[in-house]
């Protein structure tokens, strides 16, 4: 059985058409949140989100979920590569993962990043969610 600890949401864009910025080769932050975990032993963090992209068919992009507030390759807990399927349309790309081995701390931060080719545009919406619970 699990016990709920905390839940957080980061909405960078709630609409299609925003932020309307092209991707770059380096990771760009699109979501950040923090969870109160009360220094619980063996917490489980469920993370999910959605990002809207438009581009050219076959454009590739990379999604990263990082434990912490800055991008550090050593802190990546989730990584996925995706592809734009249709030229010119807004596509929603969703992800879901869990952190089964977070540190025992009173508060844990997570960040969501994306990178890719410059013909792909972050067209919204952009949302990042997390729920912390304990395993009993």
N, C-alpha and C. Protein backbone atom coordinates (compact mmCIF):
# COMPACT_ATOMS: atom_id res chain seq x y z
N UNK A 1 0.83 -1.17 0.00
CA UNK A 1 0.00 0.00 0.00
C UNK A 1 0.89 1.24 0.00
N UNK A 2 0.43 2.30 -0.63
CA UNK A 2 1.19 3.55 -0.71
C UNK A 2 0.52 4.65 0.09
N UNK A 3 1.33 5.63 0.47
CA UNK A 3 0.82 6.80 1.17
C UNK A 3 1.20 8.04 0.37
N UNK A 4 0.22 8.86 0.07
CA UNK A 4 0.44 10.09 -0.68
C UNK A 4 1.30 11.06 0.12
N UNK A 5 2.29 11.69 -0.55
CA UNK A 5 3.13 12.70 0.10
C UNK A 5 2.88 14.10 -0.48
N UNK A 6 2.96 14.22 -1.82
CA UNK A 6 2.83 15.53 -2.43
C UNK A 6 2.58 15.37 -3.93
N UNK A 7 2.10 16.45 -4.54
CA UNK A 7 1.85 16.50 -5.97
C UNK A 7 2.19 17.89 -6.46
N UNK A 8 2.77 18.00 -7.66
CA UNK A 8 3.12 19.31 -8.21
C UNK A 8 2.88 19.33 -9.71
N UNK A 9 2.63 20.53 -10.22
CA UNK A 9 2.36 20.75 -11.63
C UNK A 9 3.16 21.94 -12.13
N UNK A 10 3.70 21.83 -13.32
CA UNK A 10 4.39 22.94 -13.98
C UNK A 10 3.77 23.08 -15.37
N UNK A 11 3.07 24.17 -15.58
CA UNK A 11 2.46 24.44 -16.89
C UNK A 11 3.20 25.63 -17.51
N UNK A 12 4.06 25.33 -18.48
CA UNK A 12 4.79 26.41 -19.15
C UNK A 12 3.91 27.06 -20.21
N UNK A 13 3.03 26.27 -20.81
CA UNK A 13 2.11 26.79 -21.80
C UNK A 13 0.84 25.95 -21.78
N UNK A 14 -0.28 26.60 -21.60
CA UNK A 14 -1.55 25.90 -21.60
C UNK A 14 -2.25 25.94 -22.94
N UNK A 15 -1.59 26.53 -23.95
CA UNK A 15 -2.24 26.73 -25.24
C UNK A 15 -1.36 26.30 -26.40
N UNK A 16 -1.98 25.96 -27.50
CA UNK A 16 -1.25 25.74 -28.73
C UNK A 16 -0.79 27.09 -29.27
N UNK A 17 0.43 27.14 -29.80
CA UNK A 17 0.97 28.37 -30.38
C UNK A 17 1.95 29.08 -29.48
N UNK A 18 2.15 28.61 -28.26
CA UNK A 18 3.08 29.25 -27.35
C UNK A 18 3.94 28.18 -26.71
N UNK A 19 5.23 28.28 -26.58
CA UNK A 19 6.04 29.49 -26.69
C UNK A 19 6.52 29.82 -28.10
N UNK A 20 6.28 28.93 -29.07
CA UNK A 20 6.62 29.18 -30.46
C UNK A 20 8.11 29.47 -30.64
N UNK A 21 8.96 28.64 -30.04
CA UNK A 21 10.40 28.79 -30.17
C UNK A 21 11.00 27.51 -30.78
N UNK A 22 11.98 27.71 -31.65
CA UNK A 22 12.64 26.57 -32.30
C UNK A 22 13.53 25.84 -31.31
N UNK A 23 13.64 24.54 -31.49
CA UNK A 23 14.55 23.75 -30.66
C UNK A 23 15.99 24.07 -31.04
N UNK A 24 16.88 23.77 -30.11
CA UNK A 24 18.31 23.92 -30.36
C UNK A 24 18.98 22.59 -30.06
N UNK A 25 20.24 22.51 -30.34
CA UNK A 25 20.98 21.28 -30.07
C UNK A 25 21.17 21.00 -28.60
N UNK A 26 21.08 22.05 -27.77
CA UNK A 26 21.26 21.87 -26.33
C UNK A 26 19.93 21.75 -25.61
N UNK A 27 19.93 21.11 -24.45
CA UNK A 27 18.68 20.95 -23.68
C UNK A 27 18.07 22.29 -23.26
N UNK A 28 16.76 22.43 -23.48
CA UNK A 28 16.01 23.62 -23.08
C UNK A 28 14.98 23.23 -22.03
N UNK A 29 14.94 23.97 -20.94
CA UNK A 29 13.99 23.72 -19.86
C UNK A 29 12.57 24.03 -20.31
N UNK A 30 11.63 23.11 -20.07
CA UNK A 30 10.22 23.42 -20.31
C UNK A 30 9.34 23.10 -19.12
N UNK A 31 9.91 22.56 -18.06
CA UNK A 31 9.13 22.28 -16.85
C UNK A 31 10.04 22.07 -15.66
N UNK A 32 9.63 22.59 -14.51
CA UNK A 32 10.39 22.39 -13.26
C UNK A 32 9.40 22.36 -12.11
N UNK A 33 9.67 21.46 -11.16
CA UNK A 33 8.79 21.36 -9.99
C UNK A 33 9.55 20.77 -8.82
N UNK A 34 8.96 20.91 -7.65
CA UNK A 34 9.55 20.35 -6.45
C UNK A 34 8.49 19.63 -5.64
N UNK A 35 8.90 18.59 -4.93
CA UNK A 35 7.98 17.77 -4.15
C UNK A 35 8.46 17.66 -2.71
N UNK A 36 7.54 17.81 -1.77
CA UNK A 36 7.83 17.59 -0.36
C UNK A 36 7.77 16.09 -0.11
N UNK A 37 8.89 15.53 0.32
CA UNK A 37 8.94 14.09 0.57
C UNK A 37 9.20 13.78 2.05
N UNK A 38 9.36 14.80 2.86
CA UNK A 38 9.49 14.64 4.32
C UNK A 38 10.58 13.64 4.73
N UNK A 39 11.65 13.56 3.93
CA UNK A 39 12.75 12.63 4.20
C UNK A 39 12.27 11.19 4.35
N UNK A 40 11.21 10.86 3.63
CA UNK A 40 10.65 9.49 3.69
C UNK A 40 11.65 8.49 3.11
N UNK A 41 11.65 7.31 3.69
CA UNK A 41 12.48 6.23 3.18
C UNK A 41 11.72 5.53 2.06
N UNK A 42 12.40 5.25 0.97
CA UNK A 42 11.82 4.56 -0.19
C UNK A 42 10.64 5.29 -0.84
N UNK A 43 10.74 6.59 -1.08
CA UNK A 43 9.65 7.24 -1.80
C UNK A 43 9.66 6.81 -3.27
N UNK A 44 8.51 6.90 -3.90
CA UNK A 44 8.37 6.66 -5.33
C UNK A 44 7.82 7.94 -5.94
N UNK A 45 8.45 8.39 -7.01
CA UNK A 45 8.02 9.61 -7.67
C UNK A 45 7.52 9.24 -9.07
N UNK A 46 6.25 9.49 -9.35
CA UNK A 46 5.68 9.28 -10.68
C UNK A 46 5.71 10.61 -11.41
N UNK A 47 6.27 10.62 -12.62
CA UNK A 47 6.42 11.85 -13.41
C UNK A 47 5.82 11.64 -14.79
N UNK A 48 5.11 12.66 -15.29
CA UNK A 48 4.57 12.59 -16.63
C UNK A 48 4.37 13.98 -17.18
N UNK A 49 4.17 14.06 -18.47
CA UNK A 49 3.97 15.36 -19.08
C UNK A 49 3.66 15.25 -20.55
N UNK A 50 3.45 16.42 -21.14
CA UNK A 50 3.12 16.53 -22.56
C UNK A 50 3.79 17.79 -23.11
N UNK A 51 4.27 17.69 -24.33
CA UNK A 51 4.81 18.86 -25.02
C UNK A 51 4.31 18.86 -26.46
N UNK A 52 3.86 20.02 -26.92
CA UNK A 52 3.40 20.17 -28.30
C UNK A 52 4.53 20.63 -29.19
N UNK A 53 4.68 19.95 -30.32
CA UNK A 53 5.75 20.27 -31.27
C UNK A 53 5.19 20.32 -32.68
N UNK A 54 5.79 21.16 -33.51
CA UNK A 54 5.50 21.14 -34.94
C UNK A 54 6.84 21.22 -35.66
N UNK A 55 6.90 20.63 -36.81
CA UNK A 55 8.15 20.61 -37.56
C UNK A 55 7.99 19.91 -38.87
N UNK A 56 9.09 19.36 -39.36
CA UNK A 56 9.08 18.63 -40.61
C UNK A 56 9.09 17.13 -40.32
N UNK A 57 8.39 16.39 -41.14
CA UNK A 57 8.33 14.94 -40.96
C UNK A 57 9.74 14.37 -40.85
N UNK A 58 9.96 13.57 -39.81
CA UNK A 58 11.25 12.94 -39.59
C UNK A 58 12.19 13.70 -38.67
N UNK A 59 11.83 14.96 -38.32
CA UNK A 59 12.65 15.70 -37.35
C UNK A 59 12.72 14.91 -36.05
N UNK A 60 13.89 14.84 -35.45
CA UNK A 60 14.05 14.12 -34.19
C UNK A 60 14.22 15.09 -33.04
N UNK A 61 13.81 14.65 -31.87
CA UNK A 61 13.98 15.45 -30.66
C UNK A 61 14.28 14.51 -29.50
N UNK A 62 14.84 15.06 -28.44
CA UNK A 62 15.21 14.30 -27.25
C UNK A 62 14.54 14.91 -26.03
N UNK A 63 13.92 14.07 -25.22
CA UNK A 63 13.31 14.49 -23.95
C UNK A 63 14.16 13.96 -22.80
N UNK A 64 14.37 14.80 -21.80
CA UNK A 64 15.13 14.40 -20.61
C UNK A 64 14.35 14.80 -19.36
N UNK A 65 14.32 13.92 -18.37
CA UNK A 65 13.84 14.27 -17.04
C UNK A 65 15.04 14.16 -16.12
N UNK A 66 15.29 15.22 -15.37
CA UNK A 66 16.48 15.31 -14.53
C UNK A 66 16.07 15.51 -13.09
N UNK A 67 16.73 14.81 -12.19
CA UNK A 67 16.53 15.07 -10.76
C UNK A 67 17.42 16.28 -10.44
N UNK A 68 16.77 17.38 -10.04
CA UNK A 68 17.50 18.62 -9.76
C UNK A 68 16.93 19.78 -10.56
N UNK A 69 17.50 20.96 -10.36
CA UNK A 69 16.98 22.16 -11.02
C UNK A 69 17.87 22.64 -12.16
N UNK A 70 19.01 21.99 -12.37
CA UNK A 70 19.86 22.33 -13.51
C UNK A 70 20.15 21.06 -14.29
N UNK A 71 20.42 21.22 -15.58
CA UNK A 71 20.69 20.06 -16.42
C UNK A 71 22.07 19.51 -16.08
N UNK A 72 22.09 18.26 -15.66
CA UNK A 72 23.32 17.54 -15.35
C UNK A 72 23.16 16.13 -15.90
N UNK A 73 23.97 15.75 -16.89
CA UNK A 73 23.82 14.40 -17.47
C UNK A 73 23.86 13.28 -16.43
N UNK A 74 24.57 13.48 -15.34
CA UNK A 74 24.65 12.45 -14.29
C UNK A 74 23.34 12.31 -13.52
N UNK A 75 22.44 13.29 -13.64
CA UNK A 75 21.18 13.28 -12.90
C UNK A 75 19.97 12.93 -13.75
N UNK A 76 20.19 12.51 -15.00
CA UNK A 76 19.09 12.12 -15.87
C UNK A 76 18.45 10.83 -15.35
N UNK A 77 17.14 10.87 -15.15
CA UNK A 77 16.43 9.66 -14.72
C UNK A 77 15.55 9.10 -15.84
N UNK A 78 15.36 9.89 -16.92
CA UNK A 78 14.55 9.44 -18.06
C UNK A 78 15.06 10.13 -19.30
N UNK A 79 15.13 9.37 -20.39
CA UNK A 79 15.58 9.89 -21.66
C UNK A 79 14.78 9.20 -22.76
N UNK A 80 14.28 9.97 -23.72
CA UNK A 80 13.55 9.38 -24.84
C UNK A 80 13.82 10.18 -26.10
N UNK A 81 13.85 9.47 -27.22
CA UNK A 81 14.00 10.10 -28.51
C UNK A 81 12.67 9.98 -29.25
N UNK A 82 12.24 11.07 -29.85
CA UNK A 82 10.99 11.06 -30.60
C UNK A 82 11.18 11.62 -31.99
N UNK A 83 10.14 11.47 -32.81
CA UNK A 83 10.18 11.92 -34.20
C UNK A 83 8.88 12.64 -34.53
N UNK A 84 9.01 13.75 -35.25
CA UNK A 84 7.83 14.45 -35.75
C UNK A 84 7.25 13.62 -36.88
N UNK A 85 5.94 13.35 -36.82
CA UNK A 85 5.32 12.44 -37.79
C UNK A 85 4.78 13.14 -39.04
N UNK A 86 4.30 14.38 -38.89
CA UNK A 86 3.65 15.06 -40.01
C UNK A 86 4.19 16.48 -40.11
N UNK A 87 4.52 16.91 -41.30
CA UNK A 87 5.01 18.27 -41.50
C UNK A 87 3.90 19.29 -41.26
N UNK A 88 4.20 20.32 -40.46
CA UNK A 88 3.31 21.46 -40.29
C UNK A 88 2.21 21.35 -39.26
N UNK A 89 1.91 20.17 -38.76
CA UNK A 89 0.84 20.04 -37.77
C UNK A 89 1.37 20.11 -36.36
N UNK A 90 0.52 20.50 -35.42
CA UNK A 90 0.91 20.49 -34.01
C UNK A 90 0.68 19.08 -33.46
N UNK A 91 1.74 18.48 -32.94
CA UNK A 91 1.66 17.13 -32.39
C UNK A 91 1.92 17.17 -30.90
N UNK A 92 1.14 16.42 -30.14
CA UNK A 92 1.36 16.30 -28.70
C UNK A 92 2.16 15.04 -28.44
N UNK A 93 3.27 15.20 -27.75
CA UNK A 93 4.14 14.08 -27.38
C UNK A 93 4.13 13.97 -25.86
N UNK A 94 3.71 12.82 -25.36
CA UNK A 94 3.59 12.61 -23.92
C UNK A 94 4.64 11.62 -23.44
N UNK A 95 4.97 11.72 -22.16
CA UNK A 95 5.95 10.83 -21.55
C UNK A 95 5.49 10.48 -20.14
N UNK A 96 6.00 9.37 -19.66
CA UNK A 96 5.65 8.91 -18.31
C UNK A 96 6.82 8.08 -17.78
N UNK A 97 7.24 8.34 -16.55
CA UNK A 97 8.32 7.58 -15.94
C UNK A 97 8.18 7.62 -14.43
N UNK A 98 9.09 6.97 -13.75
CA UNK A 98 9.09 6.98 -12.28
C UNK A 98 10.52 6.99 -11.78
N UNK A 99 10.72 7.60 -10.64
CA UNK A 99 12.00 7.60 -9.95
C UNK A 99 11.84 6.70 -8.74
N UNK A 100 12.41 5.49 -8.82
CA UNK A 100 12.27 4.52 -7.74
C UNK A 100 13.40 4.60 -6.71
N UNK A 101 14.40 5.44 -6.98
CA UNK A 101 15.53 5.52 -6.05
C UNK A 101 15.94 6.96 -5.76
N UNK A 102 14.97 7.82 -5.42
CA UNK A 102 15.36 9.19 -5.11
C UNK A 102 16.06 9.24 -3.74
N UNK A 103 16.82 10.30 -3.52
CA UNK A 103 17.50 10.42 -2.23
C UNK A 103 16.49 10.68 -1.10
N UNK A 104 16.88 10.32 0.09
CA UNK A 104 16.05 10.60 1.27
C UNK A 104 16.31 12.04 1.67
N UNK A 105 15.40 12.92 1.26
CA UNK A 105 15.51 14.36 1.50
C UNK A 105 14.13 14.91 1.83
N UNK A 106 14.08 16.08 2.47
CA UNK A 106 12.77 16.66 2.75
C UNK A 106 12.07 17.20 1.50
N UNK A 107 12.85 17.55 0.45
CA UNK A 107 12.31 18.19 -0.75
C UNK A 107 13.15 17.75 -1.94
N UNK A 108 12.50 17.35 -3.04
CA UNK A 108 13.23 16.91 -4.24
C UNK A 108 12.72 17.68 -5.45
N UNK A 109 13.64 18.22 -6.24
CA UNK A 109 13.32 18.95 -7.46
C UNK A 109 13.49 18.06 -8.69
N UNK A 110 12.66 18.31 -9.70
CA UNK A 110 12.77 17.64 -10.99
C UNK A 110 12.60 18.68 -12.09
N UNK A 111 13.28 18.44 -13.23
CA UNK A 111 13.19 19.35 -14.37
C UNK A 111 13.00 18.55 -15.66
N UNK A 112 12.28 19.13 -16.60
CA UNK A 112 12.04 18.51 -17.91
C UNK A 112 12.70 19.37 -18.99
N UNK A 113 13.45 18.71 -19.87
CA UNK A 113 14.19 19.40 -20.93
C UNK A 113 13.91 18.75 -22.27
N UNK A 114 14.11 19.55 -23.33
CA UNK A 114 13.98 19.04 -24.69
C UNK A 114 15.07 19.65 -25.56
N UNK A 115 15.54 18.89 -26.53
CA UNK A 115 16.47 19.40 -27.54
C UNK A 115 16.13 18.74 -28.87
N UNK A 116 16.64 19.30 -29.95
CA UNK A 116 16.37 18.73 -31.26
C UNK A 116 16.83 19.63 -32.37
N UNK A 117 16.38 19.32 -33.57
CA UNK A 117 16.78 20.10 -34.74
C UNK A 117 15.99 21.41 -34.79
N UNK A 118 16.60 22.43 -35.39
CA UNK A 118 16.01 23.78 -35.37
C UNK A 118 14.76 23.92 -36.23
N UNK A 119 14.43 22.93 -37.06
CA UNK A 119 13.20 23.00 -37.84
C UNK A 119 11.98 22.57 -37.02
N UNK A 120 12.23 22.08 -35.80
CA UNK A 120 11.14 21.71 -34.89
C UNK A 120 10.88 22.87 -33.92
N UNK A 121 9.61 23.20 -33.74
CA UNK A 121 9.20 24.33 -32.91
C UNK A 121 8.38 23.85 -31.73
N UNK A 122 8.69 24.39 -30.55
CA UNK A 122 7.87 24.12 -29.36
C UNK A 122 6.59 24.92 -29.52
N UNK A 123 5.52 24.24 -29.91
CA UNK A 123 4.27 24.93 -30.25
C UNK A 123 3.19 24.80 -29.17
N UNK A 124 3.51 24.16 -28.06
CA UNK A 124 2.58 24.07 -26.95
C UNK A 124 1.43 23.11 -27.19
N UNK A 125 0.75 22.77 -26.14
CA UNK A 125 0.98 23.12 -24.75
C UNK A 125 2.20 22.39 -24.18
N UNK A 126 2.67 22.85 -22.99
CA UNK A 126 3.79 22.23 -22.29
C UNK A 126 3.41 22.05 -20.83
N UNK A 127 3.38 20.80 -20.37
CA UNK A 127 2.96 20.50 -19.01
C UNK A 127 3.84 19.41 -18.43
N UNK A 128 4.09 19.49 -17.12
CA UNK A 128 4.95 18.53 -16.41
C UNK A 128 4.32 18.31 -15.04
N UNK A 129 4.09 17.05 -14.66
CA UNK A 129 3.41 16.70 -13.41
C UNK A 129 4.23 15.68 -12.63
N UNK A 130 4.05 15.66 -11.32
CA UNK A 130 4.69 14.63 -10.50
C UNK A 130 3.86 14.37 -9.25
N UNK A 131 3.93 13.11 -8.79
CA UNK A 131 3.28 12.71 -7.54
C UNK A 131 4.30 11.92 -6.74
N UNK A 132 4.44 12.27 -5.47
CA UNK A 132 5.32 11.53 -4.57
C UNK A 132 4.49 10.71 -3.60
N UNK A 133 4.91 9.46 -3.39
CA UNK A 133 4.25 8.59 -2.41
C UNK A 133 5.31 7.72 -1.77
N UNK A 134 4.92 7.04 -0.68
CA UNK A 134 5.82 6.11 -0.04
C UNK A 134 5.32 4.70 -0.23
N UNK A 135 6.25 3.77 -0.20
CA UNK A 135 5.91 2.34 -0.27
C UNK A 135 5.89 1.82 1.17
N UNK A 136 4.85 1.12 1.49
CA UNK A 136 4.78 0.56 2.85
C UNK A 136 4.69 -0.94 2.79
